[in-house]
Amino acid sequence: MTVCLIAANVVVYLLEIRHGGHFFSGPTNEVTVRWGAIPYEFTHPGDHCGLVSVPTTEGTAGAVVCQGQAGVVGSPGSQPATWVTAFSSMFMHASFLHILGNMVFLAVFGPSLEDRIGRLRFLLFYVLGGLVALAAQVAVGPDSTSPTIGASGAIAAVLGGYILMYPRARIITLVFIVFFVTLVELPAMYLLGFWFLLQLVYGLGGLATPLGGSEGVAYFAHVGGFVFGLLVIRLLVMRGHRGRFGL
């Protein structure tokens, strides 16, 4: 199932870039806005968002505007249903490096967790983790018009499940110390725990800034997915054991 999920993400990425996108820089803004999950659309049922050109000091730039916002008139063209974007967005990526990083994490941590809970449970766990991650991002920015895309929320759930099931597993990690690069083995509990703390700190830091910016990274999706993985993985493992013994 991990291999199938990686293949699905790759196929969707190729479909994203076929209409004007670029293999390395990713899909066009139009594709991202159309199929990405926009928090505003989830908190304002029936209202949709679209990409428009706005004048700037350097010419024009693209901006996402939504029905119901002050000064916005008319409606965007044909749009997928908002609930559809909750699923499509978790298989989309913004660039080659974006999908590469996510798929490396999924390939490293997914198989062990899949072996532990089974293929179908792993698929359910992955998809639900992605949905919960999106819900967390929407909750902290309900009026945001920035499209949320990427598998990182679902993969964060995998990381949360992994750290609970294999806390002492040692992971070979590339470490940069100024100009010195080395490989070290770190317990999953320390490596993934440190990663989670970084997401939480950066997310809270974004909320604390006047503009609430987080440089385009959905940190609270990572936090929500990770916490979901921590809370749910044991339920799936316990049910799996009961099924094997016929209880």
C-alpha atoms as a PDB file:
ATOM      1  CA  MET A   1       0.000   0.000   0.000  1.00  0.00           C
ATOM      2  CA  THR A   2       2.886   2.383   0.684  1.00  0.00           C
ATOM      3  CA  VAL A   3       4.159   1.807  -2.843  1.00  0.00           C
ATOM      4  CA  CYS A   4       0.660   2.428  -4.233  1.00  0.00           C
ATOM      5  CA  LEU A   5       0.358   5.692  -2.310  1.00  0.00           C
ATOM      6  CA  ILE A   6       3.739   6.879  -3.581  1.00  0.00           C
ATOM      7  CA  ALA A   7       2.724   5.955  -7.133  1.00  0.00           C
ATOM      8  CA  ALA A   8      -0.594   7.817  -6.743  1.00  0.00           C
ATOM      9  CA  ASN A   9       1.199  10.955  -5.557  1.00  0.00           C
ATOM     10  CA  VAL A  10       3.628  10.803  -8.484  1.00  0.00           C
ATOM     11  CA  VAL A  11       0.832  10.287 -11.022  1.00  0.00           C
ATOM     12  CA  VAL A  12      -1.168  13.207  -9.606  1.00  0.00           C
ATOM     13  CA  TYR A  13       1.934  15.419  -9.731  1.00  0.00           C
ATOM     14  CA  LEU A  14       2.432  14.583 -13.406  1.00  0.00           C
ATOM     15  CA  LEU A  15      -1.228  15.367 -14.068  1.00  0.00           C
ATOM     16  CA  GLU A  16      -0.843  18.676 -12.218  1.00  0.00           C
ATOM     17  CA  ILE A  17       1.937  19.938 -14.474  1.00  0.00           C
ATOM     18  CA  ARG A  18       0.581  18.807 -17.828  1.00  0.00           C
ATOM     19  CA  HIS A  19      -1.297  22.097 -18.425  1.00  0.00           C
ATOM     20  CA  GLY A  20       1.393  24.744 -18.343  1.00  0.00           C
ATOM     21  CA  GLY A  21       3.245  23.547 -15.232  1.00  0.00           C
ATOM     22  CA  HIS A  22       6.925  22.649 -14.984  1.00  0.00           C
ATOM     23  CA  PHE A  23       8.474  19.415 -13.728  1.00  0.00           C
ATOM     24  CA  PHE A  24      10.708  21.149 -11.189  1.00  0.00           C
ATOM     25  CA  SER A  25       8.716  24.269 -10.271  1.00  0.00           C
ATOM     26  CA  GLY A  26       5.354  22.498 -10.115  1.00  0.00           C
ATOM     27  CA  PRO A  27       1.828  23.256 -11.327  1.00  0.00           C
ATOM     28  CA  THR A  28       0.390  26.593 -12.361  1.00  0.00           C
ATOM     29  CA  ASN A  29      -1.400  28.784  -9.832  1.00  0.00           C
ATOM     30  CA  GLU A  30      -4.665  28.093 -11.627  1.00  0.00           C
ATOM     31  CA  VAL A  31      -4.374  24.345 -11.015  1.00  0.00           C
ATOM     32  CA  THR A  32      -3.337  24.862  -7.396  1.00  0.00           C
ATOM     33  CA  VAL A  33      -6.280  27.166  -6.650  1.00  0.00           C
ATOM     34  CA  ARG A  34      -8.761  24.926  -8.449  1.00  0.00           C
ATOM     35  CA  TRP A  35      -7.833  21.610  -6.816  1.00  0.00           C
ATOM     36  CA  GLY A  36      -6.140  22.735  -3.599  1.00  0.00           C
ATOM     37  CA  ALA A  37      -8.012  22.891  -0.294  1.00  0.00           C
ATOM     38  CA  ILE A  38      -8.793  26.523   0.551  1.00  0.00           C
ATOM     39  CA  PRO A  39      -9.805  27.048   4.216  1.00  0.00           C
ATOM     40  CA  TYR A  40     -12.208  29.882   3.316  1.00  0.00           C
ATOM     41  CA  GLU A  41     -14.285  27.522   1.170  1.00  0.00           C
ATOM     42  CA  PHE A  42     -14.672  25.072   4.061  1.00  0.00           C
ATOM     43  CA  THR A  43     -15.763  27.714   6.555  1.00  0.00           C
ATOM     44  CA  HIS A  44     -18.047  29.503   4.065  1.00  0.00           C
ATOM     45  CA  PRO A  45     -20.154  26.732   2.492  1.00  0.00           C
ATOM     46  CA  GLY A  46     -21.325  27.548  -1.009  1.00  0.00           C
ATOM     47  CA  ASP A  47     -18.700  30.235  -1.596  1.00  0.00           C
ATOM     48  CA  HIS A  48     -15.856  29.507  -3.980  1.00  0.00           C
ATOM     49  CA  CYS A  49     -12.523  31.138  -4.667  1.00  0.00           C
ATOM     50  CA  GLY A  50     -10.723  31.989  -7.871  1.00  0.00           C
ATOM     51  CA  LEU A  51      -7.475  33.445  -9.132  1.00  0.00           C
ATOM     52  CA  VAL A  52      -7.511  37.034 -10.415  1.00  0.00           C
ATOM     53  CA  SER A  53      -4.872  39.489 -11.584  1.00  0.00           C
ATOM     54  CA  VAL A  54      -4.319  42.560  -9.444  1.00  0.00           C
ATOM     55  CA  PRO A  55      -2.167  45.605 -10.280  1.00  0.00           C
ATOM     56  CA  THR A  56       1.094  46.065  -8.389  1.00  0.00           C
ATOM     57  CA  THR A  57       3.978  48.509  -8.594  1.00  0.00           C
ATOM     58  CA  GLU A  58       5.794  45.979 -10.787  1.00  0.00           C
ATOM     59  CA  GLY A  59       2.854  45.181 -13.076  1.00  0.00           C
ATOM     60  CA  THR A  60       0.274  42.546 -12.203  1.00  0.00           C
ATOM     61  CA  ALA A  61       0.252  39.606  -9.821  1.00  0.00           C
ATOM     62  CA  GLY A  62      -2.103  36.747  -9.099  1.00  0.00           C
ATOM     63  CA  ALA A  63      -4.318  36.849  -6.022  1.00  0.00           C
ATOM     64  CA  VAL A  64      -6.971  34.512  -4.645  1.00  0.00           C
ATOM     65  CA  VAL A  65     -10.333  36.134  -3.988  1.00  0.00           C
ATOM     66  CA  CYS A  66     -13.525  34.486  -2.785  1.00  0.00           C
ATOM     67  CA  GLN A  67     -17.249  35.007  -2.995  1.00  0.00           C
ATOM     68  CA  GLY A  68     -18.604  36.815   0.039  1.00  0.00           C
ATOM     69  CA  GLN A  69     -15.478  38.887   0.603  1.00  0.00           C
ATOM     70  CA  ALA A  70     -15.858  42.655   0.715  1.00  0.00           C
ATOM     71  CA  GLY A  71     -15.681  44.169  -2.734  1.00  0.00           C
ATOM     72  CA  VAL A  72     -15.825  40.848  -4.577  1.00  0.00           C
ATOM     73  CA  VAL A  73     -18.540  40.489  -7.188  1.00  0.00           C
ATOM     74  CA  GLY A  74     -19.377  37.712  -9.623  1.00  0.00           C
ATOM     75  CA  SER A  75     -18.405  34.052  -9.319  1.00  0.00           C
ATOM     76  CA  PRO A  76     -15.485  31.920 -10.476  1.00  0.00           C
ATOM     77  CA  GLY A  77     -15.823  29.421 -13.278  1.00  0.00           C
ATOM     78  CA  SER A  78     -16.738  25.777 -12.814  1.00  0.00           C
ATOM     79  CA  GLN A  79     -15.180  24.449  -9.623  1.00  0.00           C
ATOM     80  CA  PRO A  80     -14.883  20.990  -8.052  1.00  0.00           C
ATOM     81  CA  ALA A  81     -16.970  20.490  -4.928  1.00  0.00           C
ATOM     82  CA  THR A  82     -15.203  21.689  -1.791  1.00  0.00           C
ATOM     83  CA  TRP A  83     -15.250  18.210  -0.242  1.00  0.00           C
ATOM     84  CA  VAL A  84     -13.466  16.860  -3.336  1.00  0.00           C
ATOM     85  CA  THR A  85     -10.551  19.240  -2.761  1.00  0.00           C
ATOM     86  CA  ALA A  86     -10.096  17.790   0.733  1.00  0.00           C
ATOM     87  CA  PHE A  87      -8.967  14.588  -0.981  1.00  0.00           C
ATOM     88  CA  SER A  88      -7.341  15.964  -4.133  1.00  0.00           C
ATOM     89  CA  SER A  89      -5.183  18.373  -2.153  1.00  0.00           C
ATOM     90  CA  MET A  90      -3.467  15.635  -0.147  1.00  0.00           C
ATOM     91  CA  PHE A  91      -2.094  14.092  -3.347  1.00  0.00           C
ATOM     92  CA  MET A  92      -0.926  17.391  -4.894  1.00  0.00           C
ATOM     93  CA  HIS A  93       2.485  19.010  -4.512  1.00  0.00           C
ATOM     94  CA  ALA A  94       3.908  22.442  -5.224  1.00  0.00           C
ATOM     95  CA  SER A  95       7.244  21.415  -6.737  1.00  0.00           C
ATOM     96  CA  PHE A  96       9.586  18.524  -7.452  1.00  0.00           C
ATOM     97  CA  LEU A  97      11.456  19.070  -4.184  1.00  0.00           C
ATOM     98  CA  HIS A  98       8.142  19.152  -2.310  1.00  0.00           C
ATOM     99  CA  ILE A  99       7.022  15.761  -3.569  1.00  0.00           C
ATOM    100  CA  LEU A 100      10.524  14.290  -3.321  1.00  0.00           C
ATOM    101  CA  GLY A 101      10.851  15.165   0.362  1.00  0.00           C
ATOM    102  CA  ASN A 102       7.386  13.868   1.217  1.00  0.00           C
ATOM    103  CA  MET A 103       7.804  10.612  -0.682  1.00  0.00           C
ATOM    104  CA  VAL A 104      11.184   9.933   0.955  1.00  0.00           C
ATOM    105  CA  PHE A 105       9.567  10.221   4.394  1.00  0.00           C
ATOM    106  CA  LEU A 106       6.666   7.999   3.316  1.00  0.00           C
ATOM    107  CA  ALA A 107       9.029   5.403   1.847  1.00  0.00           C
ATOM    108  CA  VAL A 108      11.173   5.312   5.008  1.00  0.00           C
ATOM    109  CA  PHE A 109       8.468   5.211   7.675  1.00  0.00           C
ATOM    110  CA  GLY A 110       5.418   3.847   5.861  1.00  0.00           C
ATOM    111  CA  PRO A 111       6.352   0.178   5.278  1.00  0.00           C
ATOM    112  CA  SER A 112       7.027  -0.650   8.943  1.00  0.00           C
ATOM    113  CA  LEU A 113       3.743   0.866  10.056  1.00  0.00           C
ATOM    114  CA  GLU A 114       1.862  -0.840   7.220  1.00  0.00           C
ATOM    115  CA  ASP A 115       3.321  -4.216   8.244  1.00  0.00           C
ATOM    116  CA  ARG A 116       2.187  -3.564  11.807  1.00  0.00           C
ATOM    117  CA  ILE A 117      -1.453  -2.651  11.121  1.00  0.00           C
ATOM    118  CA  GLY A 118      -2.158  -4.176   7.692  1.00  0.00           C
ATOM    119  CA  ARG A 119      -2.694  -2.716   4.228  1.00  0.00           C
ATOM    120  CA  LEU A 120      -6.307  -1.594   4.413  1.00  0.00           C
ATOM    121  CA  ARG A 121      -5.955  -0.164   7.913  1.00  0.00           C
ATOM    122  CA  PHE A 122      -2.850   1.687   6.796  1.00  0.00           C
ATOM    123  CA  LEU A 123      -4.719   3.222   3.846  1.00  0.00           C
ATOM    124  CA  LEU A 124      -7.575   4.282   6.133  1.00  0.00           C
ATOM    125  CA  PHE A 125      -5.105   5.646   8.682  1.00  0.00           C
ATOM    126  CA  TYR A 126      -3.270   7.617   5.980  1.00  0.00           C
ATOM    127  CA  VAL A 127      -6.385   9.187   4.456  1.00  0.00           C
ATOM    128  CA  LEU A 128      -7.997  10.024   7.802  1.00  0.00           C
ATOM    129  CA  GLY A 129      -4.703  11.492   8.972  1.00  0.00           C
ATOM    130  CA  GLY A 130      -4.642  13.762   5.927  1.00  0.00           C
ATOM    131  CA  LEU A 131      -8.219  14.903   6.553  1.00  0.00           C
ATOM    132  CA  VAL A 132      -7.572  15.611  10.239  1.00  0.00           C
ATOM    133  CA  ALA A 133      -4.412  17.508   9.298  1.00  0.00           C
ATOM    134  CA  LEU A 134      -6.407  19.687   6.902  1.00  0.00           C
ATOM    135  CA  ALA A 135      -9.062  20.266   9.572  1.00  0.00           C
ATOM    136  CA  ALA A 136      -6.358  21.477  11.973  1.00  0.00           C
ATOM    137  CA  GLN A 137      -5.036  23.920   9.385  1.00  0.00           C
ATOM    138  CA  VAL A 138      -8.542  25.210   8.644  1.00  0.00           C
ATOM    139  CA  ALA A 139      -9.225  25.621  12.371  1.00  0.00           C
ATOM    140  CA  VAL A 140      -6.271  27.985  12.898  1.00  0.00           C
ATOM    141  CA  GLY A 141      -6.884  29.963   9.697  1.00  0.00           C
ATOM    142  CA  PRO A 142     -10.590  29.733   8.848  1.00  0.00           C
ATOM    143  CA  ASP A 143     -10.541  32.794   6.564  1.00  0.00           C
ATOM    144  CA  SER A 144      -7.313  31.943   4.777  1.00  0.00           C
ATOM    145  CA  THR A 145      -7.491  31.945   0.982  1.00  0.00           C
ATOM    146  CA  SER A 146      -4.152  30.183   0.527  1.00  0.00           C
ATOM    147  CA  PRO A 147      -4.592  26.732  -1.057  1.00  0.00           C
ATOM    148  CA  THR A 148      -3.305  23.892   1.089  1.00  0.00           C
ATOM    149  CA  ILE A 149      -1.670  21.087  -0.900  1.00  0.00           C
ATOM    150  CA  GLY A 150       0.665  18.215  -0.141  1.00  0.00           C
ATOM    151  CA  ALA A 151       0.814  14.806   1.491  1.00  0.00           C
ATOM    152  CA  SER A 152       2.722  16.095   4.504  1.00  0.00           C
ATOM    153  CA  GLY A 153      -0.321  16.095   6.799  1.00  0.00           C
ATOM    154  CA  ALA A 154      -1.043  12.426   6.085  1.00  0.00           C
ATOM    155  CA  ILE A 155       2.652  11.591   6.352  1.00  0.00           C
ATOM    156  CA  ALA A 156       2.799  13.433   9.680  1.00  0.00           C
ATOM    157  CA  ALA A 157       0.161  10.967  10.894  1.00  0.00           C
ATOM    158  CA  VAL A 158       2.456   8.138   9.767  1.00  0.00           C
ATOM    159  CA  LEU A 159       5.314   9.722  11.719  1.00  0.00           C
ATOM    160  CA  GLY A 160       3.128  10.033  14.816  1.00  0.00           C
ATOM    161  CA  GLY A 161       2.168   6.372  14.561  1.00  0.00           C
ATOM    162  CA  TYR A 162       5.759   5.328  13.938  1.00  0.00           C
ATOM    163  CA  ILE A 163       7.206   7.151  16.940  1.00  0.00           C
ATOM    164  CA  LEU A 164       4.708   5.381  19.201  1.00  0.00           C
ATOM    165  CA  MET A 165       5.237   1.915  17.700  1.00  0.00           C
ATOM    166  CA  TYR A 166       8.999   2.108  17.189  1.00  0.00           C
ATOM    167  CA  PRO A 167      10.372   4.750  19.583  1.00  0.00           C
ATOM    168  CA  ARG A 168      13.798   3.076  19.845  1.00  0.00           C
ATOM    169  CA  ALA A 169      14.245   2.355  16.150  1.00  0.00           C
ATOM    170  CA  ARG A 170      17.490   3.953  15.006  1.00  0.00           C
ATOM    171  CA  ILE A 171      17.347   6.168  11.936  1.00  0.00           C
ATOM    172  CA  ILE A 172      20.413   7.112   9.904  1.00  0.00           C
ATOM    173  CA  THR A 173      20.327  10.899   9.669  1.00  0.00           C
ATOM    174  CA  LEU A 174      22.343  13.370   7.608  1.00  0.00           C
ATOM    175  CA  VAL A 175      23.618  16.123   9.919  1.00  0.00           C
ATOM    176  CA  PHE A 176      25.035  19.474   8.789  1.00  0.00           C
ATOM    177  CA  ILE A 177      27.376  21.298  11.192  1.00  0.00           C
ATOM    178  CA  VAL A 178      28.482  24.496   9.443  1.00  0.00           C
ATOM    179  CA  PHE A 179      30.546  23.079   6.528  1.00  0.00           C
ATOM    180  CA  PHE A 180      30.880  19.622   8.068  1.00  0.00           C
ATOM    181  CA  VAL A 181      28.466  16.872   7.004  1.00  0.00           C
ATOM    182  CA  THR A 182      28.170  13.513   8.722  1.00  0.00           C
ATOM    183  CA  LEU A 183      25.825  10.560   9.185  1.00  0.00           C
ATOM    184  CA  VAL A 184      24.588   9.663  12.659  1.00  0.00           C
ATOM    185  CA  GLU A 185      22.087   7.131  14.008  1.00  0.00           C
ATOM    186  CA  LEU A 186      19.351   8.678  16.121  1.00  0.00           C
ATOM    187  CA  PRO A 187      16.421   6.998  17.915  1.00  0.00           C
ATOM    188  CA  ALA A 188      13.114   7.708  16.188  1.00  0.00           C
ATOM    189  CA  MET A 189      11.760   9.171  19.427  1.00  0.00           C
ATOM    190  CA  TYR A 190      14.376  11.945  19.390  1.00  0.00           C
ATOM    191  CA  LEU A 191      14.429  12.647  15.661  1.00  0.00           C
ATOM    192  CA  LEU A 192      10.676  12.684  15.075  1.00  0.00           C
ATOM    193  CA  GLY A 193       9.991  14.312  18.444  1.00  0.00           C
ATOM    194  CA  PHE A 194      12.339  17.158  17.519  1.00  0.00           C
ATOM    195  CA  TRP A 195      10.639  17.463  14.117  1.00  0.00           C
ATOM    196  CA  PHE A 196       7.230  17.749  15.805  1.00  0.00           C
ATOM    197  CA  LEU A 197       8.450  20.421  18.201  1.00  0.00           C
ATOM    198  CA  LEU A 198       9.809  22.428  15.277  1.00  0.00           C
ATOM    199  CA  GLN A 199       6.439  22.303  13.519  1.00  0.00           C
ATOM    200  CA  LEU A 200       4.681  23.427  16.695  1.00  0.00           C
ATOM    201  CA  VAL A 201       7.117  26.267  17.365  1.00  0.00           C
ATOM    202  CA  TYR A 202       7.025  27.533  13.781  1.00  0.00           C
ATOM    203  CA  GLY A 203       3.238  27.280  13.689  1.00  0.00           C
ATOM    204  CA  LEU A 204       2.811  29.203  16.931  1.00  0.00           C
ATOM    205  CA  GLY A 205       5.398  31.705  15.744  1.00  0.00           C
ATOM    206  CA  GLY A 206       3.316  32.315  12.627  1.00  0.00           C
ATOM    207  CA  LEU A 207       0.239  33.007  14.737  1.00  0.00           C
ATOM    208  CA  ALA A 208       2.206  35.433  16.887  1.00  0.00           C
ATOM    209  CA  THR A 209       3.409  37.599  13.978  1.00  0.00           C
ATOM    210  CA  PRO A 210       1.269  40.586  12.949  1.00  0.00           C
ATOM    211  CA  LEU A 211       0.482  39.027   9.570  1.00  0.00           C
ATOM    212  CA  GLY A 212       0.195  35.492  10.921  1.00  0.00           C
ATOM    213  CA  GLY A 213       2.450  34.251   8.139  1.00  0.00           C
ATOM    214  CA  SER A 214       4.241  30.919   8.123  1.00  0.00           C
ATOM    215  CA  GLU A 215       6.045  31.275   4.770  1.00  0.00           C
ATOM    216  CA  GLY A 216       3.566  29.084   2.922  1.00  0.00           C
ATOM    217  CA  VAL A 217       4.062  26.010   5.119  1.00  0.00           C
ATOM    218  CA  ALA A 218       0.990  24.426   6.728  1.00  0.00           C
ATOM    219  CA  TYR A 219       2.621  23.785  10.094  1.00  0.00           C
ATOM    220  CA  PHE A 220      -0.621  23.104  11.918  1.00  0.00           C
ATOM    221  CA  ALA A 221      -1.511  20.461   9.343  1.00  0.00           C
ATOM    222  CA  HIS A 222       1.712  18.714  10.362  1.00  0.00           C
ATOM    223  CA  VAL A 223       0.867  19.120  14.044  1.00  0.00           C
ATOM    224  CA  GLY A 224      -2.713  17.880  13.576  1.00  0.00           C
ATOM    225  CA  GLY A 225      -1.641  14.872  11.535  1.00  0.00           C
ATOM    226  CA  PHE A 226       1.090  13.922  14.006  1.00  0.00           C
ATOM    227  CA  VAL A 227      -1.230  14.115  17.012  1.00  0.00           C
ATOM    228  CA  PHE A 228      -3.830  12.051  15.133  1.00  0.00           C
ATOM    229  CA  GLY A 229      -1.197   9.385  14.515  1.00  0.00           C
ATOM    230  CA  LEU A 230      -0.239   9.297  18.180  1.00  0.00           C
ATOM    231  CA  LEU A 231      -3.838   8.953  19.354  1.00  0.00           C
ATOM    232  CA  VAL A 232      -5.196   6.494  16.795  1.00  0.00           C
ATOM    233  CA  ILE A 233      -2.401   4.059  15.972  1.00  0.00           C
ATOM    234  CA  ARG A 234      -2.839   1.919  19.099  1.00  0.00           C
ATOM    235  CA  LEU A 235      -6.554   1.479  18.370  1.00  0.00           C
ATOM    236  CA  LEU A 236      -5.710   0.044  14.953  1.00  0.00           C
ATOM    237  CA  VAL A 237      -3.026  -2.230  16.381  1.00  0.00           C
ATOM    238  CA  MET A 238      -5.373  -3.549  19.080  1.00  0.00           C
ATOM    239  CA  ARG A 239      -8.128  -4.229  16.559  1.00  0.00           C
ATOM    240  CA  GLY A 240      -5.636  -5.960  14.330  1.00  0.00           C
ATOM    241  CA  HIS A 241      -4.605  -8.319  17.121  1.00  0.00           C
ATOM    242  CA  ARG A 242      -8.209  -9.084  18.028  1.00  0.00           C
ATOM    243  CA  GLY A 243      -8.931  -9.934  14.417  1.00  0.00           C
ATOM    244  CA  ARG A 244      -6.021 -12.366  14.235  1.00  0.00           C
ATOM    245  CA  PHE A 245      -7.106 -14.264  17.322  1.00  0.00           C
ATOM    246  CA  GLY A 246     -10.801 -14.222  16.513  1.00  0.00           C
ATOM    247  CA  LEU A 247     -11.853 -12.259  19.586  1.00  0.00           C
END
